[in-house]
Amino acid sequence: MKQELIYRCEICNTVYNNKEICEKCEESHRVPIGIKSRRYQPITNNATGYPDKITVVFDDDAEIIYKRG
């Protein structure tokens, strides 16, 4: 029997055979820390109640805008 040791990125769940590469993968992911702003449409345009645009702030202070398709 052969035993194998693997490492799994806790953020994206990718499996690696190398610990250092897995650590680099985990460190490369930016983690959202909050929503700075959001934009909603009136119920006549969007009855779902979900925003069509949000600005997310990440752990490196970057602000990224996400839009619903």
N, C-alpha and C. Protein backbone atom coordinates (compact mmCIF):
# COMPACT_ATOMS: atom_id res chain seq x y z
N MET A 1 0.85 -1.17 0.00
CA MET A 1 0.00 0.00 0.00
C MET A 1 0.89 1.23 0.00
N LYS A 2 0.43 2.23 -0.75
CA LYS A 2 1.15 3.49 -0.84
C LYS A 2 0.29 4.58 -0.23
N GLN A 3 0.86 5.32 0.70
CA GLN A 3 0.15 6.43 1.32
C GLN A 3 0.57 7.72 0.64
N GLU A 4 -0.42 8.58 0.35
CA GLU A 4 -0.13 9.85 -0.29
C GLU A 4 -0.57 10.99 0.61
N LEU A 5 0.24 12.04 0.63
CA LEU A 5 -0.10 13.23 1.39
C LEU A 5 -0.47 14.33 0.41
N ILE A 6 -1.65 14.91 0.60
CA ILE A 6 -2.08 16.00 -0.28
C ILE A 6 -2.39 17.23 0.57
N TYR A 7 -2.42 18.36 -0.11
CA TYR A 7 -2.75 19.63 0.53
C TYR A 7 -3.90 20.25 -0.25
N ARG A 8 -4.86 20.81 0.47
CA ARG A 8 -6.03 21.40 -0.17
C ARG A 8 -6.15 22.87 0.24
N CYS A 9 -6.26 23.73 -0.76
CA CYS A 9 -6.47 25.16 -0.50
C CYS A 9 -7.82 25.31 0.20
N GLU A 10 -7.83 25.98 1.34
CA GLU A 10 -9.06 26.13 2.11
C GLU A 10 -10.03 27.14 1.50
N ILE A 11 -9.58 27.87 0.49
CA ILE A 11 -10.46 28.87 -0.12
C ILE A 11 -11.08 28.35 -1.41
N CYS A 12 -10.27 27.79 -2.32
CA CYS A 12 -10.81 27.33 -3.61
C CYS A 12 -10.91 25.81 -3.72
N ASN A 13 -10.42 25.10 -2.71
CA ASN A 13 -10.49 23.64 -2.64
C ASN A 13 -9.64 22.90 -3.67
N THR A 14 -8.68 23.58 -4.29
CA THR A 14 -7.78 22.91 -5.22
C THR A 14 -6.82 22.03 -4.43
N VAL A 15 -6.54 20.84 -4.96
CA VAL A 15 -5.66 19.88 -4.29
C VAL A 15 -4.26 19.98 -4.89
N TYR A 16 -3.25 19.98 -4.01
CA TYR A 16 -1.85 20.06 -4.42
C TYR A 16 -1.06 18.95 -3.75
N ASN A 17 0.04 18.55 -4.39
CA ASN A 17 0.98 17.61 -3.79
C ASN A 17 2.10 18.33 -3.06
N ASN A 18 2.19 19.64 -3.28
CA ASN A 18 3.28 20.44 -2.73
C ASN A 18 2.71 21.46 -1.74
N LYS A 19 3.21 21.43 -0.52
CA LYS A 19 2.71 22.30 0.55
C LYS A 19 2.95 23.77 0.24
N GLU A 20 4.13 24.11 -0.28
CA GLU A 20 4.46 25.51 -0.55
C GLU A 20 3.56 26.10 -1.63
N ILE A 21 3.28 25.33 -2.66
CA ILE A 21 2.40 25.82 -3.72
C ILE A 21 0.98 26.01 -3.19
N CYS A 22 0.54 25.11 -2.35
CA CYS A 22 -0.79 25.24 -1.74
C CYS A 22 -0.86 26.49 -0.87
N GLU A 23 0.19 26.76 -0.10
CA GLU A 23 0.22 27.96 0.73
C GLU A 23 0.18 29.22 -0.14
N LYS A 24 0.90 29.21 -1.27
CA LYS A 24 0.87 30.36 -2.18
C LYS A 24 -0.53 30.56 -2.75
N CYS A 25 -1.20 29.46 -3.05
CA CYS A 25 -2.57 29.53 -3.57
C CYS A 25 -3.47 30.20 -2.53
N GLU A 26 -3.40 29.75 -1.29
CA GLU A 26 -4.23 30.33 -0.24
C GLU A 26 -3.93 31.81 -0.03
N GLU A 27 -2.67 32.19 -0.09
CA GLU A 27 -2.28 33.58 0.11
C GLU A 27 -2.70 34.47 -1.06
N SER A 28 -2.87 33.88 -2.25
CA SER A 28 -3.19 34.67 -3.43
C SER A 28 -4.65 35.10 -3.49
N HIS A 29 -5.52 34.42 -2.77
CA HIS A 29 -6.95 34.73 -2.82
C HIS A 29 -7.27 35.97 -1.99
N ARG A 30 -8.00 36.88 -2.57
CA ARG A 30 -8.46 38.06 -1.83
C ARG A 30 -9.80 37.73 -1.19
N VAL A 31 -9.96 38.13 0.05
CA VAL A 31 -11.15 37.79 0.81
C VAL A 31 -12.02 39.05 0.97
N PRO A 32 -13.31 38.94 0.62
CA PRO A 32 -14.18 40.10 0.79
C PRO A 32 -14.40 40.39 2.28
N ILE A 33 -14.36 41.69 2.63
CA ILE A 33 -14.59 42.05 4.03
C ILE A 33 -15.87 42.86 4.21
N GLY A 34 -16.47 43.28 3.10
CA GLY A 34 -17.72 44.01 3.23
C GLY A 34 -18.23 44.55 1.91
N ILE A 35 -19.45 45.04 1.97
CA ILE A 35 -20.07 45.66 0.80
C ILE A 35 -20.09 47.16 1.04
N LYS A 36 -19.49 47.91 0.14
CA LYS A 36 -19.42 49.36 0.28
C LYS A 36 -20.71 50.03 -0.19
N SER A 37 -21.22 49.57 -1.32
CA SER A 37 -22.45 50.15 -1.84
C SER A 37 -23.21 49.11 -2.65
N ARG A 38 -24.48 49.40 -2.86
CA ARG A 38 -25.35 48.52 -3.64
C ARG A 38 -26.37 49.37 -4.38
N ARG A 39 -26.79 48.88 -5.53
CA ARG A 39 -27.80 49.60 -6.31
C ARG A 39 -28.96 48.66 -6.61
N TYR A 40 -30.16 49.15 -6.36
CA TYR A 40 -31.37 48.39 -6.61
C TYR A 40 -32.19 49.06 -7.70
N GLN A 41 -32.99 48.27 -8.37
CA GLN A 41 -33.94 48.77 -9.37
C GLN A 41 -35.33 48.80 -8.73
N PRO A 42 -36.22 49.65 -9.22
CA PRO A 42 -37.59 49.65 -8.70
C PRO A 42 -38.28 48.31 -8.98
N ILE A 43 -39.27 48.01 -8.20
CA ILE A 43 -39.97 46.72 -8.32
C ILE A 43 -40.57 46.54 -9.71
N THR A 44 -40.86 47.63 -10.41
CA THR A 44 -41.41 47.52 -11.76
C THR A 44 -40.37 47.01 -12.76
N ASN A 45 -39.07 47.16 -12.43
CA ASN A 45 -38.00 46.65 -13.30
C ASN A 45 -37.41 45.34 -12.81
N ASN A 46 -37.47 45.11 -11.50
CA ASN A 46 -36.85 43.91 -10.92
C ASN A 46 -37.61 43.53 -9.67
N ALA A 47 -38.47 42.55 -9.78
CA ALA A 47 -39.30 42.15 -8.66
C ALA A 47 -38.60 41.17 -7.71
N THR A 48 -37.35 40.79 -8.01
CA THR A 48 -36.65 39.82 -7.16
C THR A 48 -36.21 40.41 -5.83
N GLY A 49 -35.96 41.72 -5.80
CA GLY A 49 -35.49 42.36 -4.58
C GLY A 49 -33.98 42.33 -4.42
N TYR A 50 -33.27 41.67 -5.35
CA TYR A 50 -31.81 41.60 -5.28
C TYR A 50 -31.19 42.82 -5.97
N PRO A 51 -30.03 43.29 -5.47
CA PRO A 51 -29.37 44.41 -6.13
C PRO A 51 -28.84 44.01 -7.50
N ASP A 52 -28.77 44.97 -8.41
CA ASP A 52 -28.21 44.67 -9.72
C ASP A 52 -26.73 45.05 -9.80
N LYS A 53 -26.24 45.75 -8.76
CA LYS A 53 -24.84 46.14 -8.75
C LYS A 53 -24.39 46.30 -7.30
N ILE A 54 -23.22 45.73 -6.95
CA ILE A 54 -22.66 45.92 -5.62
C ILE A 54 -21.17 46.22 -5.74
N THR A 55 -20.65 47.00 -4.80
CA THR A 55 -19.22 47.27 -4.71
C THR A 55 -18.72 46.54 -3.47
N VAL A 56 -17.79 45.62 -3.68
CA VAL A 56 -17.26 44.79 -2.60
C VAL A 56 -15.86 45.28 -2.24
N VAL A 57 -15.60 45.41 -0.93
CA VAL A 57 -14.28 45.79 -0.44
C VAL A 57 -13.56 44.52 0.01
N PHE A 58 -12.29 44.38 -0.42
CA PHE A 58 -11.51 43.19 -0.10
C PHE A 58 -10.44 43.48 0.94
N ASP A 59 -9.82 42.42 1.42
CA ASP A 59 -8.82 42.53 2.50
C ASP A 59 -7.58 43.33 2.11
N ASP A 60 -7.39 43.60 0.83
CA ASP A 60 -6.25 44.43 0.39
C ASP A 60 -6.71 45.85 0.04
N ASP A 61 -7.92 46.22 0.49
CA ASP A 61 -8.54 47.53 0.27
C ASP A 61 -8.99 47.77 -1.16
N ALA A 62 -8.91 46.78 -2.03
CA ALA A 62 -9.43 46.93 -3.39
C ALA A 62 -10.96 46.96 -3.34
N GLU A 63 -11.54 47.75 -4.23
CA GLU A 63 -12.99 47.82 -4.36
C GLU A 63 -13.36 47.35 -5.76
N ILE A 64 -14.12 46.27 -5.83
CA ILE A 64 -14.49 45.66 -7.10
C ILE A 64 -16.01 45.74 -7.26
N ILE A 65 -16.46 46.15 -8.45
CA ILE A 65 -17.88 46.27 -8.74
C ILE A 65 -18.35 44.99 -9.44
N TYR A 66 -19.44 44.44 -8.92
CA TYR A 66 -20.07 43.26 -9.53
C TYR A 66 -21.44 43.66 -10.02
N LYS A 67 -21.77 43.23 -11.25
CA LYS A 67 -23.07 43.54 -11.85
C LYS A 67 -23.78 42.24 -12.18
N ARG A 68 -25.07 42.25 -11.96
CA ARG A 68 -25.90 41.11 -12.30
C ARG A 68 -26.15 41.09 -13.79
N GLY A 69 -26.10 39.90 -14.37
CA GLY A 69 -26.28 39.78 -15.82
C GLY A 69 -27.66 39.75 -16.29
